[in-house]
N, C-alpha and C. Protein backbone atom coordinates (compact mmCIF):
# COMPACT_ATOMS: atom_id res chain seq x y z
N UNK A 1 -13.89 -4.02 2.15
CA UNK A 1 -12.64 -3.31 2.12
C UNK A 1 -11.85 -3.79 0.91
N UNK A 2 -11.31 -2.84 0.14
CA UNK A 2 -10.54 -3.23 -1.04
C UNK A 2 -9.21 -2.50 -1.07
N UNK A 3 -8.22 -3.17 -1.65
CA UNK A 3 -6.92 -2.59 -1.94
C UNK A 3 -6.73 -2.78 -3.43
N UNK A 4 -6.53 -1.67 -4.17
CA UNK A 4 -6.47 -1.74 -5.62
C UNK A 4 -5.31 -0.94 -6.17
N UNK A 5 -4.81 -1.41 -7.29
CA UNK A 5 -3.75 -0.71 -8.00
C UNK A 5 -2.69 -1.69 -8.44
N UNK A 6 -2.16 -1.48 -9.64
CA UNK A 6 -1.19 -2.44 -10.14
C UNK A 6 0.09 -2.44 -9.31
N UNK A 7 0.28 -1.44 -8.47
CA UNK A 7 1.48 -1.38 -7.63
C UNK A 7 1.41 -2.33 -6.44
N UNK A 8 0.30 -3.02 -6.27
CA UNK A 8 0.20 -4.07 -5.26
C UNK A 8 -0.22 -5.39 -5.89
N UNK A 9 -0.27 -5.44 -7.21
CA UNK A 9 -0.80 -6.62 -7.89
C UNK A 9 0.22 -7.32 -8.77
N UNK A 10 1.46 -7.45 -8.30
CA UNK A 10 2.38 -8.26 -9.07
C UNK A 10 3.68 -7.62 -9.45
N UNK A 11 4.14 -7.90 -10.65
CA UNK A 11 5.48 -7.57 -11.08
C UNK A 11 5.53 -6.40 -12.03
N UNK A 12 6.74 -5.94 -12.32
CA UNK A 12 6.95 -4.95 -13.34
C UNK A 12 6.99 -3.52 -12.86
N UNK A 13 7.09 -3.30 -11.58
CA UNK A 13 7.20 -1.95 -11.05
C UNK A 13 8.66 -1.52 -11.13
N UNK A 14 8.91 -0.29 -11.57
CA UNK A 14 10.27 0.18 -11.83
C UNK A 14 10.81 0.93 -10.61
N UNK A 15 12.05 0.58 -10.21
CA UNK A 15 12.70 1.24 -9.08
C UNK A 15 12.83 2.74 -9.32
N UNK A 16 12.75 3.49 -8.25
CA UNK A 16 12.86 4.96 -8.24
C UNK A 16 11.67 5.66 -8.89
N UNK A 17 10.59 4.95 -9.17
CA UNK A 17 9.36 5.58 -9.64
C UNK A 17 8.31 5.46 -8.55
N UNK A 18 7.54 6.51 -8.37
CA UNK A 18 6.50 6.54 -7.34
C UNK A 18 5.42 5.51 -7.67
N UNK A 19 5.07 4.72 -6.71
CA UNK A 19 4.01 3.71 -6.88
C UNK A 19 2.82 4.12 -6.02
N UNK A 20 1.62 4.08 -6.59
CA UNK A 20 0.43 4.42 -5.83
C UNK A 20 -0.60 3.30 -5.92
N UNK A 21 -1.42 3.22 -4.88
CA UNK A 21 -2.55 2.30 -4.87
C UNK A 21 -3.59 2.88 -3.91
N UNK A 22 -4.81 2.39 -4.00
CA UNK A 22 -5.88 2.91 -3.14
C UNK A 22 -6.38 1.84 -2.18
N UNK A 23 -6.84 2.32 -1.03
CA UNK A 23 -7.47 1.47 -0.03
C UNK A 23 -8.84 2.08 0.25
N UNK A 24 -9.88 1.28 0.08
CA UNK A 24 -11.25 1.74 0.30
C UNK A 24 -11.80 1.06 1.55
N UNK A 25 -12.02 1.85 2.60
CA UNK A 25 -12.51 1.31 3.87
C UNK A 25 -13.95 1.71 4.16
N UNK A 26 -14.64 2.29 3.19
CA UNK A 26 -15.97 2.87 3.43
C UNK A 26 -16.98 1.87 3.98
N UNK A 27 -16.84 0.60 3.67
CA UNK A 27 -17.82 -0.39 4.12
C UNK A 27 -17.24 -1.33 5.18
N UNK A 28 -16.15 -0.89 5.80
CA UNK A 28 -15.46 -1.77 6.75
C UNK A 28 -15.61 -1.35 8.20
N UNK A 29 -16.41 -0.33 8.47
CA UNK A 29 -16.54 0.14 9.84
C UNK A 29 -15.39 1.08 10.19
N UNK A 30 -15.27 1.39 11.46
CA UNK A 30 -14.26 2.34 11.92
C UNK A 30 -13.11 1.59 12.57
N UNK A 31 -11.90 1.83 12.06
CA UNK A 31 -10.70 1.23 12.63
C UNK A 31 -9.49 2.00 12.11
N UNK A 32 -8.35 1.68 12.63
CA UNK A 32 -7.11 2.33 12.21
C UNK A 32 -6.54 1.62 10.98
N UNK A 33 -6.21 2.41 9.94
CA UNK A 33 -5.57 1.89 8.73
C UNK A 33 -4.06 1.93 8.92
N UNK A 34 -3.40 0.84 8.58
CA UNK A 34 -1.93 0.80 8.63
C UNK A 34 -1.39 0.33 7.30
N UNK A 35 -0.36 1.02 6.80
CA UNK A 35 0.28 0.63 5.55
C UNK A 35 1.79 0.67 5.77
N UNK A 36 2.45 -0.45 5.49
CA UNK A 36 3.89 -0.58 5.66
C UNK A 36 4.46 -1.26 4.42
N UNK A 37 5.63 -0.80 3.96
CA UNK A 37 6.33 -1.45 2.86
C UNK A 37 7.71 -1.84 3.37
N UNK A 38 8.04 -3.13 3.17
CA UNK A 38 9.32 -3.66 3.63
C UNK A 38 10.06 -4.25 2.44
N UNK A 39 11.35 -3.90 2.27
CA UNK A 39 12.11 -4.44 1.15
C UNK A 39 12.69 -5.81 1.51
N UNK A 40 13.38 -6.43 0.56
CA UNK A 40 13.88 -7.80 0.78
C UNK A 40 15.02 -7.86 1.79
N UNK A 41 15.53 -6.71 2.24
CA UNK A 41 16.56 -6.66 3.29
C UNK A 41 15.93 -6.43 4.67
N UNK A 42 14.60 -6.32 4.71
CA UNK A 42 13.91 -6.10 5.97
C UNK A 42 13.80 -4.64 6.37
N UNK A 43 14.19 -3.72 5.48
CA UNK A 43 14.12 -2.29 5.77
C UNK A 43 12.73 -1.77 5.44
N UNK A 44 12.21 -0.88 6.29
CA UNK A 44 10.90 -0.28 6.08
C UNK A 44 11.06 0.98 5.24
N UNK A 45 10.24 1.10 4.19
CA UNK A 45 10.27 2.27 3.31
C UNK A 45 9.22 3.28 3.76
N UNK A 46 9.44 4.55 3.43
CA UNK A 46 8.47 5.59 3.73
C UNK A 46 7.23 5.41 2.86
N UNK A 47 6.06 5.54 3.46
CA UNK A 47 4.79 5.44 2.74
C UNK A 47 3.94 6.65 3.13
N UNK A 48 3.37 7.31 2.13
CA UNK A 48 2.41 8.39 2.44
C UNK A 48 1.01 7.84 2.26
N UNK A 49 0.13 8.20 3.18
CA UNK A 49 -1.27 7.78 3.13
C UNK A 49 -2.11 9.05 3.21
N UNK A 50 -2.90 9.31 2.16
CA UNK A 50 -3.69 10.53 2.08
C UNK A 50 -5.15 10.18 1.84
N UNK A 51 -6.03 10.75 2.64
CA UNK A 51 -7.46 10.51 2.43
C UNK A 51 -7.90 11.24 1.17
N UNK A 52 -8.58 10.54 0.26
CA UNK A 52 -8.95 11.09 -1.05
C UNK A 52 -10.31 11.74 -1.08
N UNK A 53 -11.24 11.28 -0.28
CA UNK A 53 -12.62 11.75 -0.35
C UNK A 53 -12.73 13.18 0.17
N UNK A 54 -13.35 14.06 -0.59
CA UNK A 54 -13.51 15.44 -0.16
C UNK A 54 -14.64 15.62 0.86
N UNK A 55 -14.61 16.71 1.56
CA UNK A 55 -15.68 17.16 2.46
C UNK A 55 -16.01 16.17 3.57
N UNK A 56 -15.01 15.46 4.05
CA UNK A 56 -15.19 14.63 5.22
C UNK A 56 -15.98 13.35 5.02
N UNK A 57 -16.29 12.97 3.77
CA UNK A 57 -16.99 11.70 3.54
C UNK A 57 -16.10 10.57 4.02
N UNK A 58 -14.85 10.58 3.62
CA UNK A 58 -13.83 9.69 4.14
C UNK A 58 -13.93 8.25 3.71
N UNK A 59 -12.86 7.53 3.99
CA UNK A 59 -12.83 6.10 3.77
C UNK A 59 -12.05 5.62 2.57
N UNK A 60 -11.62 6.54 1.68
CA UNK A 60 -10.80 6.14 0.54
C UNK A 60 -9.45 6.83 0.68
N UNK A 61 -8.39 6.04 0.58
CA UNK A 61 -7.04 6.55 0.81
C UNK A 61 -6.14 6.24 -0.38
N UNK A 62 -5.29 7.21 -0.74
CA UNK A 62 -4.24 6.96 -1.72
C UNK A 62 -2.96 6.72 -0.94
N UNK A 63 -2.29 5.63 -1.27
CA UNK A 63 -1.03 5.27 -0.62
C UNK A 63 0.07 5.35 -1.68
N UNK A 64 1.22 5.89 -1.31
CA UNK A 64 2.31 6.06 -2.27
C UNK A 64 3.65 5.76 -1.60
N UNK A 65 4.53 5.14 -2.38
CA UNK A 65 5.88 4.87 -1.91
C UNK A 65 6.80 4.74 -3.11
N UNK A 66 8.10 4.83 -2.87
CA UNK A 66 9.11 4.68 -3.91
C UNK A 66 10.15 3.68 -3.42
N UNK A 67 10.41 2.67 -4.21
CA UNK A 67 11.46 1.70 -3.87
C UNK A 67 12.76 2.17 -4.51
N UNK A 68 13.81 2.38 -3.73
CA UNK A 68 15.05 2.92 -4.28
C UNK A 68 15.86 1.91 -5.10
N UNK A 69 15.50 0.63 -5.01
CA UNK A 69 16.27 -0.37 -5.76
C UNK A 69 15.37 -1.53 -6.16
N UNK A 70 15.86 -2.31 -7.10
CA UNK A 70 15.12 -3.48 -7.58
C UNK A 70 15.07 -4.54 -6.48
N UNK A 71 14.10 -5.43 -6.59
CA UNK A 71 13.99 -6.52 -5.63
C UNK A 71 12.55 -6.73 -5.21
N UNK A 72 12.36 -7.74 -4.37
CA UNK A 72 11.02 -8.07 -3.89
C UNK A 72 10.69 -7.21 -2.67
N UNK A 73 9.47 -6.69 -2.66
CA UNK A 73 8.99 -5.88 -1.55
C UNK A 73 7.65 -6.42 -1.08
N UNK A 74 7.35 -6.18 0.18
CA UNK A 74 6.09 -6.62 0.76
C UNK A 74 5.31 -5.39 1.19
N UNK A 75 4.09 -5.26 0.66
CA UNK A 75 3.20 -4.17 1.03
C UNK A 75 2.20 -4.76 2.03
N UNK A 76 2.25 -4.27 3.26
CA UNK A 76 1.42 -4.81 4.33
C UNK A 76 0.33 -3.78 4.64
N UNK A 77 -0.92 -4.19 4.48
CA UNK A 77 -2.06 -3.31 4.75
C UNK A 77 -2.87 -3.94 5.88
N UNK A 78 -3.06 -3.17 6.96
CA UNK A 78 -3.85 -3.64 8.09
C UNK A 78 -5.01 -2.69 8.35
N UNK A 79 -6.06 -3.22 8.93
CA UNK A 79 -7.19 -2.41 9.35
C UNK A 79 -7.61 -2.92 10.71
N UNK A 80 -7.55 -2.06 11.69
CA UNK A 80 -7.80 -2.52 13.05
C UNK A 80 -6.71 -3.47 13.51
N UNK A 81 -5.48 -3.25 13.06
CA UNK A 81 -4.30 -4.05 13.42
C UNK A 81 -4.37 -5.50 12.93
N UNK A 82 -5.22 -5.77 11.93
CA UNK A 82 -5.34 -7.11 11.34
C UNK A 82 -5.07 -6.99 9.84
N UNK A 83 -4.27 -7.92 9.29
CA UNK A 83 -4.00 -7.89 7.85
C UNK A 83 -5.30 -7.99 7.07
N UNK A 84 -5.42 -7.15 6.03
CA UNK A 84 -6.58 -7.25 5.15
C UNK A 84 -6.37 -8.43 4.21
N UNK A 85 -7.42 -8.81 3.50
CA UNK A 85 -7.35 -9.95 2.58
C UNK A 85 -6.20 -9.77 1.59
N UNK A 86 -5.40 -10.79 1.42
CA UNK A 86 -4.26 -10.89 0.51
C UNK A 86 -3.01 -10.15 1.00
N UNK A 87 -3.07 -9.51 2.15
CA UNK A 87 -1.90 -8.83 2.69
C UNK A 87 -1.06 -9.83 3.48
N UNK A 88 0.26 -9.79 3.33
CA UNK A 88 1.06 -8.83 2.58
C UNK A 88 1.05 -9.13 1.08
N UNK A 89 1.06 -8.04 0.32
CA UNK A 89 1.14 -8.11 -1.14
C UNK A 89 2.61 -8.16 -1.51
N UNK A 90 2.97 -9.08 -2.41
CA UNK A 90 4.36 -9.21 -2.84
C UNK A 90 4.54 -8.53 -4.19
N UNK A 91 5.46 -7.58 -4.24
CA UNK A 91 5.69 -6.79 -5.45
C UNK A 91 7.15 -6.90 -5.82
N UNK A 92 7.43 -7.17 -7.09
CA UNK A 92 8.80 -7.26 -7.58
C UNK A 92 9.15 -5.99 -8.34
N UNK A 93 10.14 -5.28 -7.85
CA UNK A 93 10.60 -4.03 -8.49
C UNK A 93 11.74 -4.33 -9.44
N UNK A 94 11.71 -3.70 -10.61
CA UNK A 94 12.75 -3.88 -11.63
C UNK A 94 13.65 -2.65 -11.70
N UNK A 95 14.83 -2.82 -12.27
CA UNK A 95 15.72 -1.67 -12.50
C UNK A 95 15.26 -0.88 -13.69
């Protein structure tokens, strides 16, 4: 299972710009994928999760969210209700 994209790999993300990253579950078996983004005030942001693979192959998801303000955010990715490796990801948003 992998989580990839510079929007979960560190600093330099700009506030009010859409951030995307991918989650690949194709080799992880069957379980429920969970994606949550929490800002430094403890508020949960809206996240869209869309399956990318065509024709029902499945297992690759594009995740997208927008942080309305600068600050540190936590991207929490779970599979089967368990945090995946390196989750929560800490991302610093800039103005």
